[in-house]
Amino acid sequence: MHIVTGGAGFIGSNLVQTLIEQTGDDVVVVDDLSDGHKFVNIADLAIADYLDKDEFIELLLTDAGFATGVSSILHQGACSVTTEWDGEYMMRNNFAYSKHLLHHCQEHEIPFIYASSAAVYGGTSEFVESPENELPLNVYGYSKLLFDQYVRRLDKPRSQIVGLRYFNVYGPREQHKGSMASVAFHFNSQIQSDGELRLFEGSGGYAAGEQQRDFVFVDDVCRVNLWFLEHPDKSGIFNCGTGKAQTFNDVANAVIAWHGRGKIRYIPFPEGLKSAYQSYTQADLGQLRAAGCGVEFADVATGVSSYLDTLSAKASD
């Protein structure tokens, strides 16, 4: 039995689907459905059970037999709103909660794979999993970095611990994320509503729409998670991106190409984002490849096309 926290969220629900389809094992979803809109992400999935995130922690702390039969915990749950500045809330949800899960897994020798983030790197130009490259620009990134640092300090772990630093993930089941959904999602919505895709003007020395990110398709993220589950002797903190930065213009043009119509309009860059914005990210895959993970990642044109195919198929159901 696998437990996926944040299992009704974007990456979590895709991971639940992948686990069910590829392993045939029971999967328990842990989440907070205060925002009931997220239910659609798991409505079509044959999950074994659902637990509220607070109920789940209580079981871990009070029920010594709860770990029986748990083969892994894949911790995807977190507050991922990069514009959230309530540090107490962020630390409680992203740091303290993660520590509870980590210690439980270590005590019961359960593999623990968790979602870190490329936000730990901040404005650096070197995206290698090393402390000198880590300087987050917001409290979300700091909460993720703090837990990575906590993991690094563990002396002689008793079971697998893997932190995956997700870069800019896009794909199905992200519609509930609102402003935090991927640019591919927003571009698709914009082209459907008025045929015009809106990108930021230049910033940080980059021309309009030429800011670069490592855009990674969610299916590939799931494949990396499963690879580590299949290799329990591999532990560490690893980047999870394509290793090839592409521009926002590339994403926009991929959406336009799929629809066969549309145009781009550049809008002013928001003043409030300038000091907390990553104009460039590109995962260094050296450590991931050194661990033996050979998952190949889709480029923007391929991933966006697959994504929009899925959205179109769901819309016609």
Protein backbone atom coordinates (compact mmCIF):
# COMPACT_ATOMS: atom_id res chain seq x y z
CA MET A 1 0.00 0.00 0.00
CA HIS A 2 1.33 3.41 -1.03
CA ILE A 3 0.33 6.63 0.69
CA VAL A 4 0.36 9.82 -1.36
CA THR A 5 -0.01 13.07 0.57
CA GLY A 6 -1.39 15.91 -1.49
CA GLY A 7 -2.94 13.12 -3.52
CA ALA A 8 -5.86 15.24 -4.67
CA GLY A 9 -3.52 17.97 -5.87
CA PHE A 10 -1.85 18.39 -9.23
CA ILE A 11 1.31 16.27 -9.10
CA GLY A 12 -0.12 14.06 -6.36
CA SER A 13 -3.19 12.97 -8.32
CA ASN A 14 -1.11 12.21 -11.41
CA LEU A 15 1.20 10.15 -9.22
CA VAL A 16 -1.79 8.29 -7.74
CA GLN A 17 -3.00 7.47 -11.25
CA THR A 18 0.46 6.26 -12.28
CA LEU A 19 0.84 4.07 -9.19
CA ILE A 20 -2.56 2.45 -9.69
CA GLU A 21 -1.99 1.81 -13.39
CA GLN A 22 1.61 0.65 -13.24
CA THR A 23 1.89 -1.18 -9.91
CA GLY A 24 -1.65 -2.44 -9.27
CA ASP A 25 -1.06 -1.70 -5.57
CA ASP A 26 -3.53 -0.06 -3.21
CA VAL A 27 -3.08 3.71 -2.95
CA VAL A 28 -4.33 5.83 -0.05
CA VAL A 29 -4.81 9.55 -0.70
CA VAL A 30 -4.10 12.08 2.05
CA ASP A 31 -5.15 15.68 1.45
CA ASP A 32 -7.10 18.70 2.66
CA LEU A 33 -10.36 19.05 0.74
CA SER A 34 -11.34 22.36 2.29
CA ASP A 35 -11.23 23.40 -1.34
CA GLY A 36 -13.72 20.81 -2.55
CA HIS A 37 -13.02 21.58 -6.20
CA LYS A 38 -9.99 19.28 -6.01
CA PHE A 39 -12.21 16.20 -5.71
CA VAL A 40 -12.37 16.00 -9.52
CA ASN A 41 -8.68 15.06 -9.59
CA ILE A 42 -9.36 11.75 -7.84
CA ALA A 43 -12.99 11.13 -8.84
CA ASP A 44 -11.91 8.87 -11.70
CA LEU A 45 -9.24 7.02 -9.69
CA ALA A 46 -9.82 3.73 -7.85
CA ILE A 47 -8.14 4.74 -4.59
CA ALA A 48 -8.17 2.39 -1.60
CA ASP A 49 -8.98 5.09 0.96
CA TYR A 50 -8.93 8.81 1.70
CA LEU A 51 -7.68 10.51 4.88
CA ASP A 52 -7.69 14.15 5.86
CA LYS A 53 -4.15 15.44 6.40
CA ASP A 54 -4.77 16.19 10.11
CA GLU A 55 -6.37 12.79 10.69
CA PHE A 56 -3.39 11.18 8.99
CA ILE A 57 -0.86 12.86 11.27
CA GLU A 58 -2.89 11.90 14.33
CA LEU A 59 -2.86 8.26 13.23
CA LEU A 60 0.89 8.38 12.74
CA LEU A 61 1.44 9.78 16.23
CA THR A 62 -1.05 7.60 18.14
CA ASP A 63 -1.53 4.31 16.29
CA ALA A 64 1.58 2.14 16.48
CA GLY A 65 0.09 -0.39 14.07
CA PHE A 66 -0.76 2.11 11.37
CA ALA A 67 2.49 1.51 9.48
CA THR A 68 1.66 -2.15 8.91
CA GLY A 69 1.36 -2.78 5.21
CA VAL A 70 2.62 0.66 4.15
CA SER A 71 5.24 0.14 1.43
CA SER A 72 6.00 3.82 0.78
CA ILE A 73 4.97 7.38 1.56
CA LEU A 74 5.18 9.81 -1.35
CA HIS A 75 4.86 13.22 0.24
CA GLN A 76 3.51 15.72 -2.31
CA GLY A 77 1.36 17.75 0.06
CA ALA A 78 2.36 21.36 0.76
CA CYS A 79 1.32 24.95 0.41
CA SER A 80 2.80 25.69 -3.02
CA VAL A 81 1.59 29.27 -3.41
CA THR A 82 4.82 31.15 -4.07
CA THR A 83 3.15 34.49 -3.31
CA GLU A 84 2.07 33.40 0.20
CA TRP A 85 4.03 35.40 2.81
CA ASP A 86 2.51 33.97 6.03
CA GLY A 87 5.70 32.35 7.23
CA GLU A 88 4.14 30.67 10.28
CA TYR A 89 1.54 28.99 8.09
CA MET A 90 4.15 27.98 5.51
CA MET A 91 6.49 26.45 8.09
CA ARG A 92 3.69 24.54 9.81
CA ASN A 93 2.44 23.04 6.54
CA ASN A 94 5.67 22.54 4.63
CA PHE A 95 8.34 22.02 7.26
CA ALA A 96 6.86 20.71 10.51
CA TYR A 97 4.42 18.35 8.75
CA SER A 98 7.23 16.93 6.61
CA LYS A 99 9.36 16.25 9.69
CA HIS A 100 6.57 14.19 11.26
CA LEU A 101 6.35 12.02 8.14
CA LEU A 102 10.10 11.65 7.83
CA HIS A 103 10.55 10.46 11.40
CA HIS A 104 7.68 8.00 11.08
CA CYS A 105 9.20 6.53 7.93
CA GLN A 106 12.61 6.25 9.53
CA GLU A 107 11.20 4.57 12.63
CA HIS A 108 9.35 1.98 10.54
CA GLU A 109 11.93 1.75 7.71
CA ILE A 110 9.48 2.93 5.05
CA PRO A 111 10.74 4.53 1.82
CA PHE A 112 10.03 8.27 1.84
CA ILE A 113 9.97 10.27 -1.40
CA TYR A 114 9.07 13.92 -1.04
CA ALA A 115 8.51 17.00 -3.19
CA SER A 116 11.16 19.65 -2.89
CA SER A 117 11.30 22.55 -5.34
CA ALA A 118 13.54 24.46 -7.71
CA ALA A 119 12.42 27.52 -5.71
CA VAL A 120 15.25 26.70 -3.28
CA TYR A 121 17.70 28.09 -5.85
CA GLY A 122 16.22 31.57 -6.03
CA GLY A 123 18.00 33.87 -8.45
CA THR A 124 21.10 31.75 -8.92
CA SER A 125 22.36 30.75 -12.35
CA GLU A 126 23.72 27.40 -11.14
CA PHE A 127 21.09 24.74 -10.48
CA VAL A 128 23.24 22.05 -8.88
CA GLU A 129 22.09 20.38 -5.64
CA SER A 130 24.68 22.08 -3.45
CA PRO A 131 24.31 24.63 -0.59
CA GLU A 132 26.30 27.38 -2.30
CA ASN A 133 23.63 27.54 -5.03
CA GLU A 134 20.65 27.75 -2.68
CA LEU A 135 19.18 31.17 -1.85
CA PRO A 136 15.38 31.24 -2.17
CA LEU A 137 13.50 34.42 -3.09
CA ASN A 138 10.32 33.68 -1.09
CA VAL A 139 9.21 31.93 2.08
CA TYR A 140 7.81 29.00 0.09
CA GLY A 141 11.28 28.30 -1.32
CA TYR A 142 12.78 28.73 2.14
CA SER A 143 10.38 26.20 3.68
CA LYS A 144 11.45 23.66 1.06
CA LEU A 145 15.14 24.42 1.54
CA LEU A 146 14.87 24.13 5.32
CA PHE A 147 13.48 20.61 5.01
CA ASP A 148 16.19 19.64 2.51
CA GLN A 149 18.76 20.86 5.01
CA TYR A 150 17.07 18.87 7.78
CA VAL A 151 17.27 15.72 5.65
CA ARG A 152 20.93 16.33 4.91
CA ARG A 153 21.71 16.40 8.63
CA LEU A 154 20.25 12.96 9.31
CA ASP A 155 22.87 10.56 10.56
CA LYS A 156 22.73 7.07 9.01
CA PRO A 157 19.16 6.94 7.63
CA ARG A 158 17.43 3.59 8.17
CA SER A 159 15.50 3.61 4.89
CA GLN A 160 15.31 5.37 1.54
CA ILE A 161 14.86 9.16 1.55
CA VAL A 162 14.53 10.97 -1.77
CA GLY A 163 13.87 14.68 -2.27
CA LEU A 164 12.89 15.71 -5.80
CA ARG A 165 13.37 19.35 -6.70
CA TYR A 166 10.58 19.90 -9.17
CA PHE A 167 11.09 22.61 -11.75
CA ASN A 168 8.16 24.11 -13.71
CA VAL A 169 5.71 21.22 -13.90
CA TYR A 170 2.70 21.32 -16.21
CA GLY A 171 0.05 18.83 -17.25
CA PRO A 172 -3.43 17.43 -16.55
CA ARG A 173 -5.24 17.83 -13.21
CA GLU A 174 -3.94 21.32 -12.40
CA GLN A 175 -7.14 23.27 -13.11
CA HIS A 176 -7.81 23.90 -9.39
CA LYS A 177 -4.56 25.80 -8.86
CA GLY A 178 -5.85 29.13 -10.12
CA SER A 179 -3.04 31.65 -10.57
CA MET A 180 -0.51 28.96 -9.61
CA ALA A 181 -1.44 26.74 -12.56
CA SER A 182 1.17 26.44 -15.30
CA VAL A 183 1.54 28.98 -18.10
CA ALA A 184 0.54 26.20 -20.53
CA PHE A 185 -2.82 25.95 -18.74
CA HIS A 186 -3.34 29.71 -18.73
CA PHE A 187 -2.29 30.10 -22.37
CA ASN A 188 -4.76 27.41 -23.37
CA SER A 189 -7.57 29.15 -21.47
CA GLN A 190 -6.66 32.52 -23.00
CA ILE A 191 -6.62 31.24 -26.56
CA GLN A 192 -10.00 29.60 -26.06
CA SER A 193 -11.56 32.76 -24.60
CA ASP A 194 -10.20 35.47 -26.88
CA GLY A 195 -7.45 34.06 -29.09
CA GLU A 196 -4.78 36.17 -27.42
CA LEU A 197 -1.96 34.85 -25.22
CA ARG A 198 -0.58 37.32 -22.70
CA LEU A 199 3.10 37.15 -21.72
CA PHE A 200 5.21 39.46 -19.58
CA GLU A 201 7.42 42.03 -21.20
CA GLY A 202 11.18 41.77 -20.73
CA SER A 203 12.75 41.54 -17.28
CA GLY A 204 16.08 40.68 -15.72
CA GLY A 205 17.90 41.39 -18.96
CA TYR A 206 15.59 39.15 -21.01
CA ALA A 207 13.52 40.33 -23.98
CA ALA A 208 9.72 40.05 -23.97
CA GLY A 209 8.66 36.44 -23.42
CA GLU A 210 12.28 35.28 -23.52
CA GLN A 211 12.58 34.52 -19.81
CA GLN A 212 13.56 30.87 -19.60
CA ARG A 213 12.33 28.10 -17.37
CA ASP A 214 12.82 24.36 -17.21
CA PHE A 215 9.29 23.27 -18.12
CA VAL A 216 8.75 19.59 -17.24
CA PHE A 217 5.73 17.45 -18.17
CA VAL A 218 4.00 15.86 -15.17
CA ASP A 219 4.07 12.36 -16.72
CA ASP A 220 7.87 12.50 -16.65
CA VAL A 221 7.83 13.66 -13.02
CA CYS A 222 5.74 10.59 -12.16
CA ARG A 223 8.18 8.33 -14.00
CA VAL A 224 11.06 9.68 -11.92
CA ASN A 225 9.13 9.01 -8.69
CA LEU A 226 8.43 5.43 -9.77
CA TRP A 227 12.05 4.89 -10.77
CA PHE A 228 13.15 5.68 -7.23
CA LEU A 229 10.47 3.42 -5.78
CA GLU A 230 11.92 0.64 -7.92
CA HIS A 231 15.44 1.44 -6.67
CA PRO A 232 15.13 1.63 -2.86
CA ASP A 233 18.92 1.65 -2.49
CA LYS A 234 19.07 5.13 -4.02
CA SER A 235 18.69 8.12 -1.71
CA GLY A 236 19.48 11.81 -1.90
CA ILE A 237 18.20 15.15 -3.15
CA PHE A 238 17.83 15.36 -6.91
CA ASN A 239 16.72 17.88 -9.50
CA CYS A 240 13.64 16.85 -11.45
CA GLY A 241 13.48 18.82 -14.69
CA THR A 242 14.34 18.37 -18.33
CA GLY A 243 17.82 19.88 -18.10
CA LYS A 244 16.97 22.15 -21.05
CA ALA A 245 15.53 25.61 -20.39
CA GLN A 246 13.00 26.95 -22.87
CA THR A 247 11.31 30.33 -23.19
CA PHE A 248 7.78 31.37 -22.35
CA ASN A 249 7.50 32.20 -26.04
CA ASP A 250 8.21 28.52 -26.77
CA VAL A 251 5.28 27.48 -24.58
CA ALA A 252 3.00 30.08 -26.15
CA ASN A 253 3.95 29.01 -29.65
CA ALA A 254 3.36 25.34 -28.78
CA VAL A 255 -0.17 26.20 -27.64
CA ILE A 256 -0.77 28.28 -30.78
CA ALA A 257 0.54 25.45 -32.97
CA TRP A 258 -1.80 22.92 -31.34
CA HIS A 259 -4.84 25.17 -31.80
CA GLY A 260 -3.76 26.41 -35.24
CA ARG A 261 -4.59 29.98 -34.25
CA GLY A 262 -3.85 32.75 -31.77
CA LYS A 263 -1.46 35.63 -31.22
CA ILE A 264 0.81 36.89 -28.44
CA ARG A 265 0.45 40.20 -26.59
CA TYR A 266 3.09 41.35 -24.12
CA ILE A 267 1.92 43.01 -20.91
CA PRO A 268 3.84 45.06 -18.30
CA PHE A 269 5.85 43.10 -15.77
CA PRO A 270 4.22 43.36 -12.29
CA GLU A 271 6.22 45.57 -9.93
CA GLY A 272 5.49 43.30 -6.96
CA LEU A 273 7.11 40.29 -8.66
CA LYS A 274 10.40 41.84 -9.74
CA SER A 275 12.33 41.07 -6.54
CA ALA A 276 10.97 37.51 -6.21
CA TYR A 277 11.00 36.24 -9.78
CA GLN A 278 13.20 33.60 -11.36
CA SER A 279 13.93 34.71 -14.93
CA TYR A 280 15.95 31.58 -15.66
CA THR A 281 15.93 28.00 -14.39
CA GLN A 282 17.55 24.89 -15.82
CA ALA A 283 17.95 21.66 -13.89
CA ASP A 284 21.41 20.19 -13.72
CA LEU A 285 20.77 16.45 -14.11
CA GLY A 286 24.26 15.29 -13.18
CA GLN A 287 23.31 13.76 -9.83
CA LEU A 288 20.09 12.22 -11.16
CA ARG A 289 21.99 10.54 -14.00
CA ALA A 290 24.81 9.49 -11.68
CA ALA A 291 22.22 7.69 -9.54
CA GLY A 292 21.29 5.68 -12.64
CA CYS A 293 17.95 7.29 -13.47
CA GLY A 294 17.65 7.34 -17.24
CA VAL A 295 14.14 8.81 -17.57
CA GLU A 296 13.97 10.92 -20.73
CA PHE A 297 12.03 14.17 -20.57
CA ALA A 298 9.68 15.59 -23.19
CA ASP A 299 10.48 18.98 -24.70
CA VAL A 300 7.88 21.76 -24.60
CA ALA A 301 6.44 21.06 -28.05
CA THR A 302 5.91 17.37 -27.27
CA GLY A 303 4.69 17.79 -23.69
CA VAL A 304 2.30 20.65 -24.41
CA SER A 305 0.79 18.76 -27.35
CA SER A 306 0.18 15.71 -25.16
CA TYR A 307 -1.26 17.89 -22.42
CA LEU A 308 -3.71 19.65 -24.73
CA ASP A 309 -4.71 16.32 -26.26
CA THR A 310 -5.71 15.18 -22.78
CA LEU A 311 -7.62 18.38 -22.01
CA SER A 312 -9.47 18.10 -25.31
CA ALA A 313 -10.40 14.47 -24.68
CA LYS A 314 -11.74 15.30 -21.19
CA ALA A 315 -13.75 18.22 -22.54
CA SER A 316 -15.45 15.95 -25.07
CA ASP A 317 -16.34 13.22 -22.53
